[in-house]
């Protein structure tokens, strides 16, 4: 479910960034001085986790250890680590993936706190200071393209804001997606565009297709479920695996719930979980079940004794309150005492 919420927020977040940037003060004549070399070789990968044959190790740079001729990082980045997680192949050439875009975005998010020319200068400084020389040309060229893309996005946001104020109508998500993709594709080399936005595009497509399927009243529940599972095939592999794992976990949860309702033994429940999650995870679930059962028993015992106090004759309300307080102290401690007061209110309202 968390993955679905993240995916569904991708397009909306992009829109939000546009409208936010449209109100920033931007100097349009800023141009980074990144040199563009001809015939620069750029290796592209569309996934992370690769282990290239390179002895180069990216530096670990935090907000506190960052040093620059441009001064300290803006306050909004305090407590963060600079995501300088770039990859170099065995020839010392840059491997382009989403990590490079994350590095750029880390600095571009401070737009408004400091001028864009300083932001670009900081990125250039990191590239020329820490990357192998052969990789610097590629990184600086891509920085130039990405900077121009950001300038184009800002201008587009201004245009959209102007049109919205004039007409009162916002563009649809589909139209926004189309315009943004065209803008990105026209400002970035095809291989860089694929490396930077390929996964995001897949997630956006899935999100919009999912919304369309869920809103199609002509589909039966079975047809809708089949359609939803079909579009998962177009997600990145890692996302598909995550959703499949969540689906398996939900199914096991339901199977265990049904089995317990039918009087299954602890061993039978353990076996159900073991088949999907393995022995160690099944044991953790069993331990959690045991703790939950112990807690439930304590609640049941306490509630029964509390009920006796509430129904007792000859006790004033103050007497009952004091005895229930003592009863809680007997059965619970620490943060449990806060929990039991909430549980009492909830269970009383249900009764």
Protein backbone atom coordinates (compact mmCIF):
# COMPACT_ATOMS: atom_id res chain seq x y z
CA UNK A 1 0.00 0.00 0.00
CA UNK A 2 2.84 2.40 0.78
CA UNK A 3 4.31 1.76 -2.66
CA UNK A 4 0.95 2.53 -4.32
CA UNK A 5 0.65 5.79 -2.43
CA UNK A 6 4.17 6.79 -3.43
CA UNK A 7 3.52 5.91 -7.05
CA UNK A 8 0.22 7.78 -7.12
CA UNK A 9 1.95 10.86 -5.75
CA UNK A 10 4.57 11.08 -8.51
CA UNK A 11 2.51 13.00 -11.04
CA UNK A 12 0.88 15.22 -8.43
CA UNK A 13 4.26 16.03 -6.89
CA UNK A 14 5.57 17.08 -10.29
CA UNK A 15 2.61 19.42 -10.71
CA UNK A 16 3.18 20.87 -7.24
CA UNK A 17 6.84 21.56 -8.01
CA UNK A 18 5.83 23.38 -11.18
CA UNK A 19 3.36 25.66 -9.42
CA UNK A 20 5.79 26.31 -6.59
CA UNK A 21 8.67 27.15 -8.90
CA UNK A 22 6.44 29.49 -10.88
CA UNK A 23 6.46 31.86 -7.92
CA UNK A 24 10.22 31.86 -7.34
CA UNK A 25 12.42 34.77 -8.41
CA UNK A 26 14.72 33.38 -11.11
CA UNK A 27 17.47 35.03 -13.10
CA UNK A 28 16.91 33.80 -16.65
CA UNK A 29 20.25 34.80 -18.09
CA UNK A 30 22.27 32.48 -15.84
CA UNK A 31 24.28 29.97 -17.79
CA UNK A 32 26.63 27.44 -16.18
CA UNK A 33 30.07 27.42 -17.66
CA UNK A 34 30.20 23.66 -18.07
CA UNK A 35 32.30 22.79 -21.13
CA UNK A 36 30.69 20.54 -23.71
CA UNK A 37 33.16 18.19 -25.30
CA UNK A 38 32.52 16.51 -28.61
CA UNK A 39 32.25 12.74 -28.83
CA UNK A 40 31.91 12.36 -25.08
CA UNK A 41 31.28 8.75 -24.15
CA UNK A 42 28.42 8.18 -21.70
CA UNK A 43 27.48 4.72 -20.48
CA UNK A 44 23.82 4.36 -19.57
CA UNK A 45 22.20 1.98 -17.10
CA UNK A 46 18.52 1.92 -16.19
CA UNK A 47 18.93 0.36 -12.76
CA UNK A 48 21.00 0.73 -9.62
CA UNK A 49 22.96 -1.69 -7.54
CA UNK A 50 25.50 -2.33 -10.28
CA UNK A 51 29.01 -3.18 -9.14
CA UNK A 52 31.32 -1.73 -11.82
CA UNK A 53 34.94 -2.84 -12.06
CA UNK A 54 36.37 0.41 -10.78
CA UNK A 55 38.66 1.28 -7.90
CA UNK A 56 37.14 4.74 -7.54
CA UNK A 57 35.02 5.19 -4.42
CA UNK A 58 32.66 8.17 -4.09
CA UNK A 59 33.36 10.40 -1.09
CA UNK A 60 31.04 10.57 1.90
CA UNK A 61 30.00 14.19 2.34
CA UNK A 62 27.56 15.42 4.96
CA UNK A 63 26.13 18.84 5.64
CA UNK A 64 28.69 19.30 8.42
CA UNK A 65 31.73 18.05 6.47
CA UNK A 66 30.87 19.84 3.21
CA UNK A 67 33.51 22.42 2.30
CA UNK A 68 33.27 24.83 -0.60
CA UNK A 69 34.56 28.15 -1.84
CA UNK A 70 30.87 29.06 -2.05
CA UNK A 71 30.36 28.68 1.68
CA UNK A 72 28.18 26.37 3.76
CA UNK A 73 25.12 24.64 2.32
CA UNK A 74 21.74 26.36 2.78
CA UNK A 75 20.02 25.71 6.14
CA UNK A 76 17.26 23.58 4.56
CA UNK A 77 19.85 20.85 3.94
CA UNK A 78 21.06 20.71 7.54
CA UNK A 79 21.36 17.15 8.82
CA UNK A 80 21.49 15.61 5.33
CA UNK A 81 24.16 13.78 3.38
CA UNK A 82 25.16 14.90 -0.10
CA UNK A 83 24.01 12.02 -2.37
CA UNK A 84 27.29 11.74 -4.25
CA UNK A 85 26.55 8.12 -5.13
CA UNK A 86 27.93 8.23 -8.66
CA UNK A 87 29.33 5.21 -10.47
CA UNK A 88 32.40 4.90 -12.64
CA UNK A 89 33.18 1.97 -14.93
CA UNK A 90 36.51 0.19 -15.35
CA UNK A 91 37.62 2.79 -17.89
CA UNK A 92 36.95 5.67 -15.56
CA UNK A 93 33.91 6.80 -17.51
CA UNK A 94 30.69 7.96 -15.92
CA UNK A 95 27.80 5.52 -15.59
CA UNK A 96 24.63 7.56 -15.94
CA UNK A 97 21.63 6.58 -13.84
CA UNK A 98 19.15 8.13 -11.43
CA UNK A 99 21.89 8.76 -8.86
CA UNK A 100 23.28 11.56 -11.02
CA UNK A 101 19.85 13.17 -11.24
CA UNK A 102 19.42 12.84 -7.45
CA UNK A 103 22.72 14.66 -6.94
CA UNK A 104 21.57 17.50 -9.18
CA UNK A 105 18.14 17.70 -7.55
CA UNK A 106 19.66 17.74 -4.07
CA UNK A 107 21.14 21.14 -4.87
CA UNK A 108 18.36 22.45 -7.11
CA UNK A 109 15.84 22.03 -4.27
CA UNK A 110 17.53 25.01 -2.61
CA UNK A 111 16.41 27.32 -5.42
CA UNK A 112 15.17 30.46 -3.70
CA UNK A 113 17.57 30.09 -0.79
CA UNK A 114 20.50 30.96 -2.99
CA UNK A 115 20.94 32.01 -6.65
CA UNK A 116 20.89 29.38 -9.35
CA UNK A 117 24.39 30.30 -10.46
CA UNK A 118 25.67 29.34 -7.01
CA UNK A 119 23.73 26.07 -7.10
CA UNK A 120 25.25 25.15 -10.45
CA UNK A 121 28.70 26.24 -9.28
CA UNK A 122 28.45 23.95 -6.24
CA UNK A 123 27.64 20.95 -8.42
CA UNK A 124 30.45 21.77 -10.83
CA UNK A 125 32.86 22.10 -7.91
CA UNK A 126 31.97 18.63 -6.62
CA UNK A 127 32.31 17.10 -10.09
CA UNK A 128 35.70 18.63 -10.84
CA UNK A 129 37.02 17.98 -7.34
CA UNK A 130 35.96 14.37 -6.82
CA UNK A 131 35.24 12.64 -10.14
CA UNK A 132 38.00 11.08 -12.20
CA UNK A 133 39.06 13.48 -14.94
CA UNK A 134 37.79 11.31 -17.78
CA UNK A 135 34.27 11.32 -16.27
CA UNK A 136 34.10 15.03 -15.62
CA UNK A 137 33.28 16.06 -19.19
CA UNK A 138 30.26 13.79 -19.34
CA UNK A 139 28.97 14.93 -15.96
CA UNK A 140 29.37 18.60 -16.79
CA UNK A 141 27.68 18.17 -20.17
CA UNK A 142 24.70 16.47 -18.57
CA UNK A 143 24.60 19.18 -15.89
CA UNK A 144 24.33 21.76 -18.67
CA UNK A 145 21.42 19.88 -20.22
CA UNK A 146 19.69 19.43 -16.88
CA UNK A 147 20.11 23.07 -15.98
CA UNK A 148 18.51 24.10 -19.26
CA UNK A 149 15.69 21.66 -18.55
CA UNK A 150 15.08 23.27 -15.15
CA UNK A 151 14.98 26.69 -16.77
CA UNK A 152 12.45 25.39 -19.30
CA UNK A 153 10.33 23.84 -16.53
CA UNK A 154 10.28 27.15 -14.67
CA UNK A 155 9.17 28.97 -17.81
CA UNK A 156 6.52 26.34 -18.50
CA UNK A 157 5.23 26.68 -14.93
CA UNK A 158 4.94 30.42 -15.38
CA UNK A 159 3.05 29.91 -18.59
CA UNK A 160 0.70 27.39 -16.98
CA UNK A 161 0.13 29.75 -14.06
CA UNK A 162 -0.70 32.59 -16.42
CA UNK A 163 -3.12 30.43 -18.41
CA UNK A 164 -4.77 29.19 -15.22
CA UNK A 165 -5.33 32.73 -13.95
CA UNK A 166 -6.77 33.70 -17.33
CA UNK A 167 -9.07 30.72 -17.80
CA UNK A 168 -9.55 29.29 -14.32
CA UNK A 169 -8.94 25.80 -15.69
CA UNK A 170 -6.04 23.57 -14.80
CA UNK A 171 -4.70 21.12 -17.38
CA UNK A 172 -5.45 17.42 -16.89
CA UNK A 173 -2.85 15.07 -15.50
CA UNK A 174 -2.60 13.39 -18.90
CA UNK A 175 -1.88 16.70 -20.60
CA UNK A 176 0.65 17.66 -17.94
CA UNK A 177 2.39 14.33 -18.35
CA UNK A 178 2.58 14.74 -22.12
CA UNK A 179 3.92 18.29 -21.98
CA UNK A 180 6.48 17.47 -19.30
CA UNK A 181 7.77 14.43 -21.15
CA UNK A 182 8.11 16.41 -24.37
CA UNK A 183 10.01 19.11 -22.51
CA UNK A 184 12.39 16.64 -20.90
CA UNK A 185 12.96 14.69 -24.09
CA UNK A 186 13.76 17.87 -26.02
CA UNK A 187 16.30 19.11 -23.46
CA UNK A 188 18.13 15.87 -22.70
CA UNK A 189 19.94 13.38 -24.87
CA UNK A 190 17.81 10.29 -25.42
CA UNK A 191 20.04 8.04 -23.32
CA UNK A 192 20.20 10.56 -20.47
CA UNK A 193 16.43 11.05 -20.60
CA UNK A 194 15.91 7.29 -20.34
CA UNK A 195 18.35 6.98 -17.43
CA UNK A 196 16.91 9.93 -15.52
CA UNK A 197 13.19 9.47 -16.12
CA UNK A 198 12.59 5.97 -17.50
CA UNK A 199 11.50 4.49 -14.18
CA UNK A 200 9.45 7.56 -13.26
CA UNK A 201 7.63 7.38 -16.59
CA UNK A 202 6.77 3.74 -16.00
CA UNK A 203 5.36 4.57 -12.58
CA UNK A 204 3.38 7.51 -13.93
CA UNK A 205 1.89 5.35 -16.68
CA UNK A 206 0.92 2.74 -14.11
CA UNK A 207 -0.66 5.35 -11.85
CA UNK A 208 -2.84 6.86 -14.58
CA UNK A 209 -3.81 3.45 -15.94
CA UNK A 210 -4.71 2.31 -12.44
CA UNK A 211 -6.91 5.36 -11.87
CA UNK A 212 -8.65 4.75 -15.19
CA UNK A 213 -9.31 1.09 -14.37
CA UNK A 214 -10.58 1.83 -10.89
CA UNK A 215 -12.93 4.46 -12.27
CA UNK A 216 -14.35 2.20 -15.00
CA UNK A 217 -17.83 1.29 -13.74
CA UNK A 218 -18.37 -1.15 -16.61
CA UNK A 219 -15.84 -3.63 -15.17
CA UNK A 220 -16.77 -6.43 -12.80
CA UNK A 221 -14.66 -6.91 -9.69
CA UNK A 222 -12.90 -9.86 -11.33
CA UNK A 223 -12.23 -7.94 -14.56
CA UNK A 224 -10.93 -4.97 -12.61
CA UNK A 225 -8.55 -7.15 -10.59
CA UNK A 226 -7.29 -8.84 -13.75
CA UNK A 227 -6.73 -5.48 -15.45
CA UNK A 228 -4.84 -4.13 -12.41
CA UNK A 229 -2.57 -7.16 -12.32
CA UNK A 230 -1.97 -6.86 -16.07
CA UNK A 231 -0.69 -3.28 -15.93
CA UNK A 232 1.76 -4.27 -13.19
CA UNK A 233 3.77 -5.96 -15.95
CA UNK A 234 4.75 -2.50 -17.19
CA UNK A 235 6.22 -1.43 -13.85
CA UNK A 236 9.98 -1.56 -13.13
CA UNK A 237 11.08 -5.03 -11.92
CA UNK A 238 11.72 -3.85 -8.35
CA UNK A 239 8.23 -2.38 -8.10
CA UNK A 240 6.64 -5.55 -9.47
CA UNK A 241 8.51 -7.67 -6.95
CA UNK A 242 7.46 -5.36 -4.11
CA UNK A 243 3.80 -5.46 -5.08
CA UNK A 244 3.90 -9.23 -5.49
CA UNK A 245 5.44 -9.56 -2.03
CA UNK A 246 2.74 -7.33 -0.56
CA UNK A 247 0.06 -9.39 -2.28
CA UNK A 248 1.52 -12.63 -0.94
CA UNK A 249 1.73 -11.17 2.55
CA UNK A 250 -1.90 -10.06 2.40
CA UNK A 251 -2.96 -13.48 1.22
CA UNK A 252 -1.06 -15.19 4.04
CA UNK A 253 -2.61 -12.78 6.52
CA UNK A 254 -6.08 -13.73 5.30
CA UNK A 255 -5.24 -17.46 5.28
CA UNK A 256 -3.95 -17.25 8.85
CA UNK A 257 -7.03 -15.32 9.95
CA UNK A 258 -9.32 -17.94 8.43
CA UNK A 259 -7.27 -20.79 9.87
CA UNK A 260 -7.41 -19.33 13.38
CA UNK A 261 -11.15 -18.84 13.06
CA UNK A 262 -11.45 -22.54 12.19
CA UNK A 263 -9.42 -23.57 15.24
CA UNK A 264 -6.01 -24.17 13.62
CA UNK A 265 -3.16 -25.11 15.93
CA UNK A 266 -0.07 -22.95 16.40
CA UNK A 267 1.91 -25.48 14.35
CA UNK A 268 -0.56 -25.24 11.46
CA UNK A 269 -0.41 -21.44 11.49
CA UNK A 270 3.38 -21.59 11.64
CA UNK A 271 3.42 -23.84 8.57
CA UNK A 272 1.24 -21.43 6.59
CA UNK A 273 3.64 -18.59 7.23
CA UNK A 274 6.75 -20.70 6.77
CA UNK A 275 5.74 -21.63 3.22
CA UNK A 276 5.85 -18.00 2.11
CA UNK A 277 8.15 -16.16 4.52
CA UNK A 278 10.58 -18.82 5.67
CA UNK A 279 11.36 -20.27 9.09
CA UNK A 280 12.89 -17.16 10.70
CA UNK A 281 10.07 -14.84 9.69
CA UNK A 282 7.46 -17.42 10.67
CA UNK A 283 9.09 -17.63 14.11
CA UNK A 284 8.98 -13.85 14.48
CA UNK A 285 5.27 -13.91 13.65
CA UNK A 286 4.78 -16.71 16.19
CA UNK A 287 6.58 -14.71 18.86
CA UNK A 288 4.42 -11.69 18.04
CA UNK A 289 1.29 -13.86 18.27
CA UNK A 290 2.40 -15.06 21.68
CA UNK A 291 2.96 -11.53 22.94
CA UNK A 292 -0.38 -10.43 21.53
CA UNK A 293 -2.17 -13.36 23.16
CA UNK A 294 -0.56 -12.52 26.50
CA UNK A 295 -1.61 -8.89 26.15
CA UNK A 296 -5.16 -9.86 25.19
CA UNK A 297 -5.41 -12.14 28.23
CA UNK A 298 -4.26 -9.34 30.53
CA UNK A 299 -6.84 -7.00 29.02
CA UNK A 300 -9.59 -9.59 29.45
CA UNK A 301 -8.68 -10.24 33.08
CA UNK A 302 -8.40 -6.53 33.88
CA UNK A 303 -11.68 -5.68 32.15
CA UNK A 304 -13.55 -8.37 34.06
CA UNK A 305 -12.19 -7.13 37.39
CA UNK A 306 -12.92 -3.53 36.41
CA UNK A 307 -16.50 -4.52 35.59
CA UNK A 308 -16.89 -6.02 39.07
CA UNK A 309 -15.77 -2.72 40.59
CA UNK A 310 -18.13 -0.68 38.42
CA UNK A 311 -21.08 -2.93 39.36
CA UNK A 312 -20.26 -3.08 43.05
CA UNK A 313 -22.87 -1.65 45.39
CA UNK A 314 -21.97 0.51 48.34
CA UNK A 315 -19.06 2.25 46.58
CA UNK A 316 -19.00 5.94 45.76
CA UNK A 317 -17.83 7.10 42.34
CA UNK A 318 -14.58 8.29 43.92
CA UNK A 319 -14.10 4.84 45.50
CA UNK A 320 -14.62 3.16 42.14
CA UNK A 321 -12.19 5.55 40.41
CA UNK A 322 -9.52 4.92 43.04
CA UNK A 323 -9.92 1.14 42.95
CA UNK A 324 -9.78 1.07 39.12
CA UNK A 325 -6.59 3.15 39.31
CA UNK A 326 -5.07 0.64 41.70
CA UNK A 327 -6.23 -2.21 39.45
CA UNK A 328 -4.45 -0.68 36.49
CA UNK A 329 -1.27 -0.38 38.53
CA UNK A 330 -1.48 -4.11 39.31
CA UNK A 331 -1.84 -5.21 35.71
CA UNK A 332 0.12 -2.61 33.73
CA UNK A 333 3.17 -0.41 33.90
CA UNK A 334 4.95 2.38 32.03
CA UNK A 335 3.41 3.31 28.70
CA UNK A 336 0.89 0.50 29.11
CA UNK A 337 -0.96 2.68 31.62
CA UNK A 338 -1.56 5.29 28.92
CA UNK A 339 -2.69 2.62 26.48
CA UNK A 340 -5.17 1.04 28.87
CA UNK A 341 -6.99 4.30 29.51
CA UNK A 342 -7.50 4.69 25.76
CA UNK A 343 -8.53 1.05 25.43
CA UNK A 344 -11.09 1.49 28.19
CA UNK A 345 -12.66 4.47 26.42
CA UNK A 346 -12.80 2.64 23.10
CA UNK A 347 -14.20 -0.60 24.52
CA UNK A 348 -16.72 1.26 26.67
CA UNK A 349 -18.00 3.17 23.63
CA UNK A 350 -18.33 -0.08 21.67
CA UNK A 351 -20.29 -1.71 24.47
